[in-house]
Amino acid sequence: MISTATHERPLSRRATQTLDALLGGASEKEIADRMGLSIHTVHQYVKTVYRALGVRSRAELMARCMRPR
């Protein structure tokens, strides 16, 4: 899995799990099912991840996390 150390602000454990799942191609619903959370809670984690990484979409997230350092 791709490192989550690309962000400037530290992420909570749940936000990091959400990021890993997003990078693995999971939908918010799949993430919610895996983590035993509501889809609304997962969406809040997704927004937290996007904000921390300064991105506005899944495509931008993938590009940011996959670009070489």
PDB file of N, CA and C in Angstrom:
ATOM      1  N   MET A   1       0.854  -1.183   0.000  1.00  0.00           N
ATOM      2  CA  MET A   1       0.000   0.000   0.000  1.00  0.00           C
ATOM      3  C   MET A   1       0.889   1.232   0.000  1.00  0.00           C
ATOM      4  N   ILE A   2       0.370   2.292  -0.536  1.00  0.00           N
ATOM      5  CA  ILE A   2       1.096   3.551  -0.643  1.00  0.00           C
ATOM      6  C   ILE A   2       1.181   4.213   0.726  1.00  0.00           C
ATOM      7  N   SER A   3       2.303   4.821   1.003  1.00  0.00           N
ATOM      8  CA  SER A   3       2.511   5.491   2.285  1.00  0.00           C
ATOM      9  C   SER A   3       1.514   6.621   2.480  1.00  0.00           C
ATOM     10  N   THR A   4       1.059   6.791   3.709  1.00  0.00           N
ATOM     11  CA  THR A   4       0.152   7.889   4.032  1.00  0.00           C
ATOM     12  C   THR A   4       0.908   9.099   4.554  1.00  0.00           C
ATOM     13  N   ALA A   5       2.220   9.072   4.440  1.00  0.00           N
ATOM     14  CA  ALA A   5       3.036  10.149   4.990  1.00  0.00           C
ATOM     15  C   ALA A   5       3.146  11.344   4.051  1.00  0.00           C
ATOM     16  N   THR A   6       2.262  11.443   3.056  1.00  0.00           N
ATOM     17  CA  THR A   6       2.338  12.542   2.111  1.00  0.00           C
ATOM     18  C   THR A   6       1.621  13.792   2.610  1.00  0.00           C
ATOM     19  N   HIS A   7       0.904  13.694   3.703  1.00  0.00           N
ATOM     20  CA  HIS A   7       0.137  14.831   4.205  1.00  0.00           C
ATOM     21  C   HIS A   7       0.967  15.678   5.153  1.00  0.00           C
ATOM     22  N   GLU A   8       0.583  16.944   5.265  1.00  0.00           N
ATOM     23  CA  GLU A   8       1.292  17.855   6.163  1.00  0.00           C
ATOM     24  C   GLU A   8       0.791  17.725   7.598  1.00  0.00           C
ATOM     25  N   ARG A   9      -0.504  17.542   7.780  1.00  0.00           N
ATOM     26  CA  ARG A   9      -1.078  17.423   9.118  1.00  0.00           C
ATOM     27  C   ARG A   9      -1.237  15.949   9.466  1.00  0.00           C
ATOM     28  N   PRO A  10      -0.976  15.598  10.718  1.00  0.00           N
ATOM     29  CA  PRO A  10      -1.180  14.195  11.093  1.00  0.00           C
ATOM     30  C   PRO A  10      -2.667  13.844  11.039  1.00  0.00           C
ATOM     31  N   LEU A  11      -2.952  12.642  10.584  1.00  0.00           N
ATOM     32  CA  LEU A  11      -4.326  12.155  10.509  1.00  0.00           C
ATOM     33  C   LEU A  11      -4.596  11.213  11.677  1.00  0.00           C
ATOM     34  N   SER A  12      -5.833  11.187  12.115  1.00  0.00           N
ATOM     35  CA  SER A  12      -6.230  10.237  13.146  1.00  0.00           C
ATOM     36  C   SER A  12      -6.117   8.821  12.582  1.00  0.00           C
ATOM     37  N   ARG A  13      -6.188   7.861  13.470  1.00  0.00           N
ATOM     38  CA  ARG A  13      -6.106   6.455  13.034  1.00  0.00           C
ATOM     39  C   ARG A  13      -7.223   6.136  12.044  1.00  0.00           C
ATOM     40  N   ARG A  14      -8.448   6.570  12.334  1.00  0.00           N
ATOM     41  CA  ARG A  14      -9.584   6.292  11.446  1.00  0.00           C
ATOM     42  C   ARG A  14      -9.429   6.999  10.099  1.00  0.00           C
ATOM     43  N   ALA A  15      -8.952   8.241  10.127  1.00  0.00           N
ATOM     44  CA  ALA A  15      -8.742   8.965   8.870  1.00  0.00           C
ATOM     45  C   ALA A  15      -7.663   8.274   8.040  1.00  0.00           C
ATOM     46  N   THR A  16      -6.622   7.775   8.687  1.00  0.00           N
ATOM     47  CA  THR A  16      -5.565   7.047   7.984  1.00  0.00           C
ATOM     48  C   THR A  16      -6.106   5.751   7.396  1.00  0.00           C
ATOM     49  N   GLN A  17      -6.945   5.047   8.157  1.00  0.00           N
ATOM     50  CA  GLN A  17      -7.572   3.827   7.623  1.00  0.00           C
ATOM     51  C   GLN A  17      -8.445   4.164   6.419  1.00  0.00           C
ATOM     52  N   THR A  18      -9.157   5.277   6.500  1.00  0.00           N
ATOM     53  CA  THR A  18     -10.004   5.709   5.390  1.00  0.00           C
ATOM     54  C   THR A  18      -9.147   6.022   4.173  1.00  0.00           C
ATOM     55  N   LEU A  19      -8.057   6.734   4.366  1.00  0.00           N
ATOM     56  CA  LEU A  19      -7.151   7.053   3.266  1.00  0.00           C
ATOM     57  C   LEU A  19      -6.627   5.779   2.621  1.00  0.00           C
ATOM     58  N   ASP A  20      -6.172   4.835   3.419  1.00  0.00           N
ATOM     59  CA  ASP A  20      -5.659   3.571   2.872  1.00  0.00           C
ATOM     60  C   ASP A  20      -6.726   2.855   2.046  1.00  0.00           C
ATOM     61  N   ALA A  21      -7.958   2.850   2.551  1.00  0.00           N
ATOM     62  CA  ALA A  21      -9.043   2.192   1.828  1.00  0.00           C
ATOM     63  C   ALA A  21      -9.365   2.934   0.527  1.00  0.00           C
ATOM     64  N   LEU A  22      -9.359   4.269   0.559  1.00  0.00           N
ATOM     65  CA  LEU A  22      -9.605   5.046  -0.650  1.00  0.00           C
ATOM     66  C   LEU A  22      -8.542   4.749  -1.707  1.00  0.00           C
ATOM     67  N   LEU A  23      -7.285   4.706  -1.260  1.00  0.00           N
ATOM     68  CA  LEU A  23      -6.189   4.432  -2.196  1.00  0.00           C
ATOM     69  C   LEU A  23      -6.258   3.011  -2.729  1.00  0.00           C
ATOM     70  N   GLY A  24      -6.911   2.128  -1.980  1.00  0.00           N
ATOM     71  CA  GLY A  24      -7.116   0.756  -2.424  1.00  0.00           C
ATOM     72  C   GLY A  24      -8.316   0.602  -3.344  1.00  0.00           C
ATOM     73  N   GLY A  25      -9.032   1.702  -3.586  1.00  0.00           N
ATOM     74  CA  GLY A  25     -10.152   1.668  -4.523  1.00  0.00           C
ATOM     75  C   GLY A  25     -11.515   1.435  -3.905  1.00  0.00           C
ATOM     76  N   ALA A  26     -11.618   1.428  -2.587  1.00  0.00           N
ATOM     77  CA  ALA A  26     -12.903   1.175  -1.924  1.00  0.00           C
ATOM     78  C   ALA A  26     -13.814   2.393  -2.012  1.00  0.00           C
ATOM     79  N   SER A  27     -15.099   2.128  -2.113  1.00  0.00           N
ATOM     80  CA  SER A  27     -16.095   3.201  -2.070  1.00  0.00           C
ATOM     81  C   SER A  27     -16.347   3.582  -0.618  1.00  0.00           C
ATOM     82  N   GLU A  28     -16.987   4.716  -0.416  1.00  0.00           N
ATOM     83  CA  GLU A  28     -17.318   5.131   0.947  1.00  0.00           C
ATOM     84  C   GLU A  28     -18.218   4.098   1.617  1.00  0.00           C
ATOM     85  N   LYS A  29     -19.133   3.518   0.882  1.00  0.00           N
ATOM     86  CA  LYS A  29     -20.018   2.500   1.445  1.00  0.00           C
ATOM     87  C   LYS A  29     -19.214   1.266   1.860  1.00  0.00           C
ATOM     88  N   GLU A  30     -18.278   0.840   1.023  1.00  0.00           N
ATOM     89  CA  GLU A  30     -17.442  -0.317   1.369  1.00  0.00           C
ATOM     90  C   GLU A  30     -16.604  -0.029   2.614  1.00  0.00           C
ATOM     91  N   ILE A  31     -16.075   1.181   2.684  1.00  0.00           N
ATOM     92  CA  ILE A  31     -15.274   1.570   3.847  1.00  0.00           C
ATOM     93  C   ILE A  31     -16.141   1.546   5.105  1.00  0.00           C
ATOM     94  N   ALA A  32     -17.334   2.088   5.006  1.00  0.00           N
ATOM     95  CA  ALA A  32     -18.254   2.104   6.150  1.00  0.00           C
ATOM     96  C   ALA A  32     -18.556   0.688   6.614  1.00  0.00           C
ATOM     97  N   ASP A  33     -18.809  -0.210   5.680  1.00  0.00           N
ATOM     98  CA  ASP A  33     -19.097  -1.601   6.031  1.00  0.00           C
ATOM     99  C   ASP A  33     -17.895  -2.255   6.718  1.00  0.00           C
ATOM    100  N   ARG A  34     -16.702  -2.046   6.172  1.00  0.00           N
ATOM    101  CA  ARG A  34     -15.481  -2.648   6.735  1.00  0.00           C
ATOM    102  C   ARG A  34     -15.185  -2.140   8.139  1.00  0.00           C
ATOM    103  N   MET A  35     -15.406  -0.824   8.337  1.00  0.00           N
ATOM    104  CA  MET A  35     -15.037  -0.199   9.603  1.00  0.00           C
ATOM    105  C   MET A  35     -16.176  -0.199  10.612  1.00  0.00           C
ATOM    106  N   GLY A  36     -17.354  -0.661  10.195  1.00  0.00           N
ATOM    107  CA  GLY A  36     -18.501  -0.685  11.101  1.00  0.00           C
ATOM    108  C   GLY A  36     -19.009   0.705  11.446  1.00  0.00           C
ATOM    109  N   LEU A  37     -18.927   1.626  10.487  1.00  0.00           N
ATOM    110  CA  LEU A  37     -19.342   3.007  10.692  1.00  0.00           C
ATOM    111  C   LEU A  37     -20.474   3.358   9.735  1.00  0.00           C
ATOM    112  N   SER A  38     -21.137   4.475   9.997  1.00  0.00           N
ATOM    113  CA  SER A  38     -22.147   4.940   9.045  1.00  0.00           C
ATOM    114  C   SER A  38     -21.442   5.575   7.850  1.00  0.00           C
ATOM    115  N   ILE A  39     -22.117   5.586   6.735  1.00  0.00           N
ATOM    116  CA  ILE A  39     -21.549   6.203   5.536  1.00  0.00           C
ATOM    117  C   ILE A  39     -21.321   7.694   5.761  1.00  0.00           C
ATOM    118  N   HIS A  40     -22.152   8.311   6.595  1.00  0.00           N
ATOM    119  CA  HIS A  40     -21.996   9.742   6.889  1.00  0.00           C
ATOM    120  C   HIS A  40     -20.706  10.006   7.669  1.00  0.00           C
ATOM    121  N   THR A  41     -20.390   9.122   8.599  1.00  0.00           N
ATOM    122  CA  THR A  41     -19.144   9.258   9.359  1.00  0.00           C
ATOM    123  C   THR A  41     -17.947   9.082   8.446  1.00  0.00           C
ATOM    124  N   VAL A  42     -18.006   8.087   7.576  1.00  0.00           N
ATOM    125  CA  VAL A  42     -16.905   7.868   6.632  1.00  0.00           C
ATOM    126  C   VAL A  42     -16.746   9.079   5.723  1.00  0.00           C
ATOM    127  N   HIS A  43     -17.854   9.658   5.283  1.00  0.00           N
ATOM    128  CA  HIS A  43     -17.769  10.842   4.426  1.00  0.00           C
ATOM    129  C   HIS A  43     -17.053  11.983   5.155  1.00  0.00           C
ATOM    130  N   GLN A  44     -17.284  12.118   6.457  1.00  0.00           N
ATOM    131  CA  GLN A  44     -16.581  13.135   7.235  1.00  0.00           C
ATOM    132  C   GLN A  44     -15.074  12.848   7.263  1.00  0.00           C
ATOM    133  N   TYR A  45     -14.703  11.565   7.399  1.00  0.00           N
ATOM    134  CA  TYR A  45     -13.280  11.204   7.352  1.00  0.00           C
ATOM    135  C   TYR A  45     -12.693  11.509   5.980  1.00  0.00           C
ATOM    136  N   VAL A  46     -13.441  11.239   4.929  1.00  0.00           N
ATOM    137  CA  VAL A  46     -12.971  11.543   3.571  1.00  0.00           C
ATOM    138  C   VAL A  46     -12.727  13.043   3.440  1.00  0.00           C
ATOM    139  N   LYS A  47     -13.640  13.851   3.919  1.00  0.00           N
ATOM    140  CA  LYS A  47     -13.458  15.307   3.857  1.00  0.00           C
ATOM    141  C   LYS A  47     -12.234  15.738   4.654  1.00  0.00           C
ATOM    142  N   THR A  48     -12.007  15.101   5.801  1.00  0.00           N
ATOM    143  CA  THR A  48     -10.828  15.404   6.618  1.00  0.00           C
ATOM    144  C   THR A  48      -9.548  15.076   5.854  1.00  0.00           C
ATOM    145  N   VAL A  49      -9.524  13.917   5.207  1.00  0.00           N
ATOM    146  CA  VAL A  49      -8.361  13.493   4.414  1.00  0.00           C
ATOM    147  C   VAL A  49      -8.118  14.477   3.274  1.00  0.00           C
ATOM    148  N   TYR A  50      -9.168  14.801   2.524  1.00  0.00           N
ATOM    149  CA  TYR A  50      -9.033  15.738   1.400  1.00  0.00           C
ATOM    150  C   TYR A  50      -8.484  17.079   1.880  1.00  0.00           C
ATOM    151  N   ARG A  51      -9.037  17.576   2.983  1.00  0.00           N
ATOM    152  CA  ARG A  51      -8.597  18.862   3.517  1.00  0.00           C
ATOM    153  C   ARG A  51      -7.123  18.793   3.935  1.00  0.00           C
ATOM    154  N   ALA A  52      -6.747  17.724   4.624  1.00  0.00           N
ATOM    155  CA  ALA A  52      -5.368  17.579   5.113  1.00  0.00           C
ATOM    156  C   ALA A  52      -4.371  17.498   3.965  1.00  0.00           C
ATOM    157  N   LEU A  53      -4.791  16.890   2.862  1.00  0.00           N
ATOM    158  CA  LEU A  53      -3.890  16.728   1.719  1.00  0.00           C
ATOM    159  C   LEU A  53      -4.040  17.830   0.682  1.00  0.00           C
ATOM    160  N   GLY A  54      -5.017  18.696   0.862  1.00  0.00           N
ATOM    161  CA  GLY A  54      -5.217  19.805  -0.064  1.00  0.00           C
ATOM    162  C   GLY A  54      -5.720  19.363  -1.421  1.00  0.00           C
ATOM    163  N   VAL A  55      -6.591  18.364  -1.436  1.00  0.00           N
ATOM    164  CA  VAL A  55      -7.163  17.876  -2.698  1.00  0.00           C
ATOM    165  C   VAL A  55      -8.674  18.039  -2.666  1.00  0.00           C
ATOM    166  N   ARG A  56      -9.300  17.934  -3.864  1.00  0.00           N
ATOM    167  CA  ARG A  56     -10.748  18.101  -3.936  1.00  0.00           C
ATOM    168  C   ARG A  56     -11.471  16.929  -4.583  1.00  0.00           C
ATOM    169  N   SER A  57     -10.734  15.898  -4.960  1.00  0.00           N
ATOM    170  CA  SER A  57     -11.374  14.749  -5.607  1.00  0.00           C
ATOM    171  C   SER A  57     -10.540  13.495  -5.388  1.00  0.00           C
ATOM    172  N   ARG A  58     -11.160  12.366  -5.653  1.00  0.00           N
ATOM    173  CA  ARG A  58     -10.448  11.089  -5.525  1.00  0.00           C
ATOM    174  C   ARG A  58      -9.295  11.029  -6.531  1.00  0.00           C
ATOM    175  N   ALA A  59      -9.532  11.519  -7.746  1.00  0.00           N
ATOM    176  CA  ALA A  59      -8.472  11.511  -8.765  1.00  0.00           C
ATOM    177  C   ALA A  59      -7.274  12.348  -8.313  1.00  0.00           C
ATOM    178  N   GLU A  60      -7.555  13.515  -7.752  1.00  0.00           N
ATOM    179  CA  GLU A  60      -6.491  14.376  -7.258  1.00  0.00           C
ATOM    180  C   GLU A  60      -5.761  13.705  -6.093  1.00  0.00           C
ATOM    181  N   LEU A  61      -6.501  13.026  -5.236  1.00  0.00           N
ATOM    182  CA  LEU A  61      -5.911  12.289  -4.121  1.00  0.00           C
ATOM    183  C   LEU A  61      -4.954  11.220  -4.633  1.00  0.00           C
ATOM    184  N   MET A  62      -5.413  10.440  -5.601  1.00  0.00           N
ATOM    185  CA  MET A  62      -4.581   9.376  -6.159  1.00  0.00           C
ATOM    186  C   MET A  62      -3.316   9.956  -6.788  1.00  0.00           C
ATOM    187  N   ALA A  63      -3.471  11.017  -7.563  1.00  0.00           N
ATOM    188  CA  ALA A  63      -2.314  11.643  -8.221  1.00  0.00           C
ATOM    189  C   ALA A  63      -1.323  12.160  -7.182  1.00  0.00           C
ATOM    190  N   ARG A  64      -1.826  12.771  -6.135  1.00  0.00           N
ATOM    191  CA  ARG A  64      -0.951  13.323  -5.101  1.00  0.00           C
ATOM    192  C   ARG A  64      -0.187  12.244  -4.364  1.00  0.00           C
ATOM    193  N   CYS A  65      -0.859  11.146  -4.044  1.00  0.00           N
ATOM    194  CA  CYS A  65      -0.222  10.079  -3.267  1.00  0.00           C
ATOM    195  C   CYS A  65       0.668   9.182  -4.094  1.00  0.00           C
ATOM    196  N   MET A  66       0.493   9.181  -5.395  1.00  0.00           N
ATOM    197  CA  MET A  66       1.282   8.296  -6.242  1.00  0.00           C
ATOM    198  C   MET A  66       2.461   9.005  -6.896  1.00  0.00           C
ATOM    199  N   ARG A  67       2.509  10.331  -6.824  1.00  0.00           N
ATOM    200  CA  ARG A  67       3.623  11.019  -7.492  1.00  0.00           C
ATOM    201  C   ARG A  67       4.910  10.775  -6.703  1.00  0.00           C
ATOM    202  N   PRO A  68       5.999  10.614  -7.431  1.00  0.00           N
ATOM    203  CA  PRO A  68       7.289  10.382  -6.763  1.00  0.00           C
ATOM    204  C   PRO A  68       7.697  11.602  -5.951  1.00  0.00           C
ATOM    205  N   ARG A  69       8.406  11.356  -4.877  1.00  0.00           N
ATOM    206  CA  ARG A  69       8.879  12.462  -4.032  1.00  0.00           C
ATOM    207  C   ARG A  69      10.144  13.020  -4.564  1.00  0.00           C
TER     208      ARG A  69
END
